[in-house]
Amino acid sequence: MKALLIIPLFLLLSACSDEQTPNNNHSDRWYSNADILIGEKIFTNNCAVCHGDKAQGLTKDWKQPLTDGSYPAPPLNGSAHAWHHPMKILLRTTQNGGIPLGGTMPGFKEQLSQPEQLAAIAYFQSFWSEKTYQAWLERGGLK
């Protein structure tokens, strides 16, 4: 009987949580659950310090330049502009960094292999809603 009371309470509390979790319902996406798990470790160790542990960004004013004229790291969770860029641009930015775009992100082509870079991209894309992911595909995301 107690279990019957606890289960609805747990479901109610978990529905109220605003913590984002990866979208594991991605059978139509280019990556797998294994890619997300690998990507989470890579993202945590290399990207989270600037982009947040759930790719949520660390500042609400990511569109506003800092005092040095550079831009803060944007959210990558689908709430900013990363989804506007096709895979080749996401990969190029990961490899070469964001300095040419006005940011301060270093390039990771010497630190991470291309499969590791793709896993990090899979991780942050796993936070994208189905609507955002489909819009990315419609814009030529996989090209």
Protein backbone atom coordinates (compact mmCIF):
# COMPACT_ATOMS: atom_id res chain seq x y z
CA MET A 1 0.00 0.00 0.00
CA LYS A 2 2.81 2.42 0.87
CA ALA A 3 4.41 1.77 -2.51
CA LEU A 4 1.21 2.85 -4.21
CA LEU A 5 1.42 6.18 -2.40
CA ILE A 6 5.14 6.69 -2.98
CA ILE A 7 5.11 6.08 -6.73
CA PRO A 8 2.69 8.96 -7.57
CA LEU A 9 4.63 11.26 -5.24
CA PHE A 10 7.90 10.35 -6.97
CA LEU A 11 6.35 10.94 -10.41
CA LEU A 12 4.96 14.30 -9.30
CA LEU A 13 8.30 15.45 -7.88
CA SER A 14 10.28 14.31 -10.89
CA ALA A 15 7.88 16.14 -13.21
CA CYS A 16 8.56 19.35 -11.28
CA SER A 17 12.31 19.13 -11.73
CA ASP A 18 13.77 21.71 -14.11
CA GLU A 19 17.00 19.76 -14.54
CA GLN A 20 17.51 18.79 -18.13
CA THR A 21 18.28 15.22 -19.01
CA PRO A 22 19.46 13.80 -22.31
CA ASN A 23 16.78 12.73 -24.74
CA ASN A 24 17.24 8.96 -24.92
CA ASN A 25 14.39 8.59 -27.40
CA HIS A 26 16.52 9.18 -30.46
CA SER A 27 16.01 6.16 -32.67
CA ASP A 28 15.86 8.51 -35.64
CA ARG A 29 18.98 10.48 -34.66
CA TRP A 30 22.50 10.00 -35.98
CA TYR A 31 23.94 8.96 -32.60
CA SER A 32 23.36 6.13 -30.12
CA ASN A 33 23.03 5.89 -26.33
CA ALA A 34 26.65 4.74 -26.25
CA ASP A 35 27.67 7.94 -28.07
CA ILE A 36 25.82 10.00 -25.44
CA LEU A 37 27.55 8.20 -22.56
CA ILE A 38 30.99 8.66 -24.12
CA GLY A 39 30.14 12.23 -25.06
CA GLU A 40 29.03 13.08 -21.53
CA LYS A 41 32.48 12.22 -20.19
CA ILE A 42 34.24 14.14 -22.95
CA PHE A 43 31.93 17.13 -22.59
CA THR A 44 32.30 17.14 -18.81
CA ASN A 45 36.09 17.06 -19.02
CA ASN A 46 36.51 19.58 -21.84
CA CYS A 47 33.42 21.72 -22.40
CA ALA A 48 31.32 21.98 -19.24
CA VAL A 49 33.59 24.55 -17.60
CA CYS A 50 32.32 27.10 -20.15
CA HIS A 51 29.09 25.59 -21.53
CA GLY A 52 27.69 24.08 -18.29
CA ASP A 53 27.41 20.42 -17.34
CA LYS A 54 24.10 20.01 -19.16
CA ALA A 55 25.15 22.29 -22.06
CA GLN A 56 22.84 24.95 -20.59
CA GLY A 57 25.38 27.77 -20.72
CA LEU A 58 26.62 29.67 -17.71
CA THR A 59 25.25 33.13 -18.44
CA LYS A 60 21.86 34.36 -19.57
CA ASP A 61 23.47 37.21 -21.52
CA TRP A 62 25.51 35.06 -23.91
CA LYS A 63 24.60 37.41 -26.78
CA GLN A 64 26.21 40.39 -25.02
CA PRO A 65 29.94 40.93 -25.44
CA LEU A 66 32.14 40.85 -22.38
CA THR A 67 34.32 43.81 -21.38
CA ASP A 68 37.13 42.46 -23.60
CA GLY A 69 34.78 42.39 -26.62
CA SER A 70 34.55 38.59 -26.78
CA TYR A 71 31.31 36.68 -26.35
CA PRO A 72 30.57 34.22 -23.53
CA ALA A 73 30.08 30.55 -24.36
CA PRO A 74 26.50 30.01 -25.52
CA PRO A 75 24.20 27.25 -24.36
CA LEU A 76 24.43 24.20 -26.62
CA ASN A 77 21.28 22.50 -25.34
CA GLY A 78 19.03 23.77 -28.13
CA SER A 79 18.10 27.06 -26.46
CA ALA A 80 20.66 29.14 -28.38
CA HIS A 81 21.95 29.10 -31.93
CA ALA A 82 24.01 25.88 -32.13
CA TRP A 83 21.11 24.09 -33.81
CA HIS A 84 21.30 26.57 -36.69
CA HIS A 85 24.66 25.15 -37.73
CA PRO A 86 25.14 21.98 -39.77
CA MET A 87 27.36 19.20 -38.48
CA LYS A 88 30.36 20.35 -40.53
CA ILE A 89 30.25 23.77 -38.80
CA LEU A 90 29.75 22.25 -35.34
CA LEU A 91 32.72 19.97 -35.97
CA ARG A 92 34.84 22.78 -37.44
CA THR A 93 34.14 24.98 -34.42
CA THR A 94 34.99 22.11 -32.07
CA GLN A 95 38.24 21.53 -33.93
CA ASN A 96 39.34 25.13 -34.54
CA GLY A 97 37.64 26.97 -31.69
CA GLY A 98 35.41 30.01 -31.54
CA ILE A 99 37.96 32.81 -31.74
CA PRO A 100 37.19 33.49 -35.43
CA LEU A 101 33.54 33.88 -34.40
CA GLY A 102 34.23 36.40 -31.63
CA GLY A 103 34.44 33.92 -28.77
CA THR A 104 37.31 32.58 -26.72
CA MET A 105 36.80 28.84 -27.17
CA PRO A 106 40.02 27.00 -27.93
CA GLY A 107 40.17 24.39 -30.67
CA PHE A 108 40.24 20.74 -29.66
CA LYS A 109 41.64 19.11 -32.80
CA GLU A 110 44.91 18.31 -31.00
CA GLN A 111 43.26 17.13 -27.75
CA LEU A 112 40.29 15.12 -29.04
CA SER A 113 39.96 12.69 -31.92
CA GLN A 114 37.16 13.28 -34.41
CA PRO A 115 35.09 10.41 -32.91
CA GLU A 116 35.49 12.05 -29.48
CA GLN A 117 34.43 15.42 -30.89
CA LEU A 118 31.37 13.81 -32.48
CA ALA A 119 30.51 12.13 -29.17
CA ALA A 120 30.61 15.52 -27.42
CA ILE A 121 28.28 16.90 -30.11
CA ALA A 122 25.98 13.88 -29.63
CA TYR A 123 25.88 14.61 -25.92
CA PHE A 124 24.77 18.22 -26.27
CA GLN A 125 22.37 17.34 -29.08
CA SER A 126 20.75 14.77 -26.79
CA PHE A 127 19.29 17.73 -24.88
CA TRP A 128 17.61 19.08 -28.02
CA SER A 129 13.87 18.60 -28.23
CA GLU A 130 12.54 16.58 -31.12
CA LYS A 131 11.24 19.83 -32.66
CA THR A 132 14.69 21.45 -32.48
CA TYR A 133 16.43 18.36 -33.84
CA GLN A 134 13.98 18.14 -36.76
CA ALA A 135 14.48 21.85 -37.52
CA TRP A 136 18.25 21.20 -37.53
CA LEU A 137 17.79 18.34 -40.00
CA GLU A 138 15.54 20.50 -42.21
CA ARG A 139 18.28 23.15 -42.31
CA GLY A 140 20.71 20.51 -43.62
CA GLY A 141 22.14 19.53 -40.25
CA LEU A 142 23.78 16.32 -41.39
CA LYS A 143 25.38 17.91 -44.43
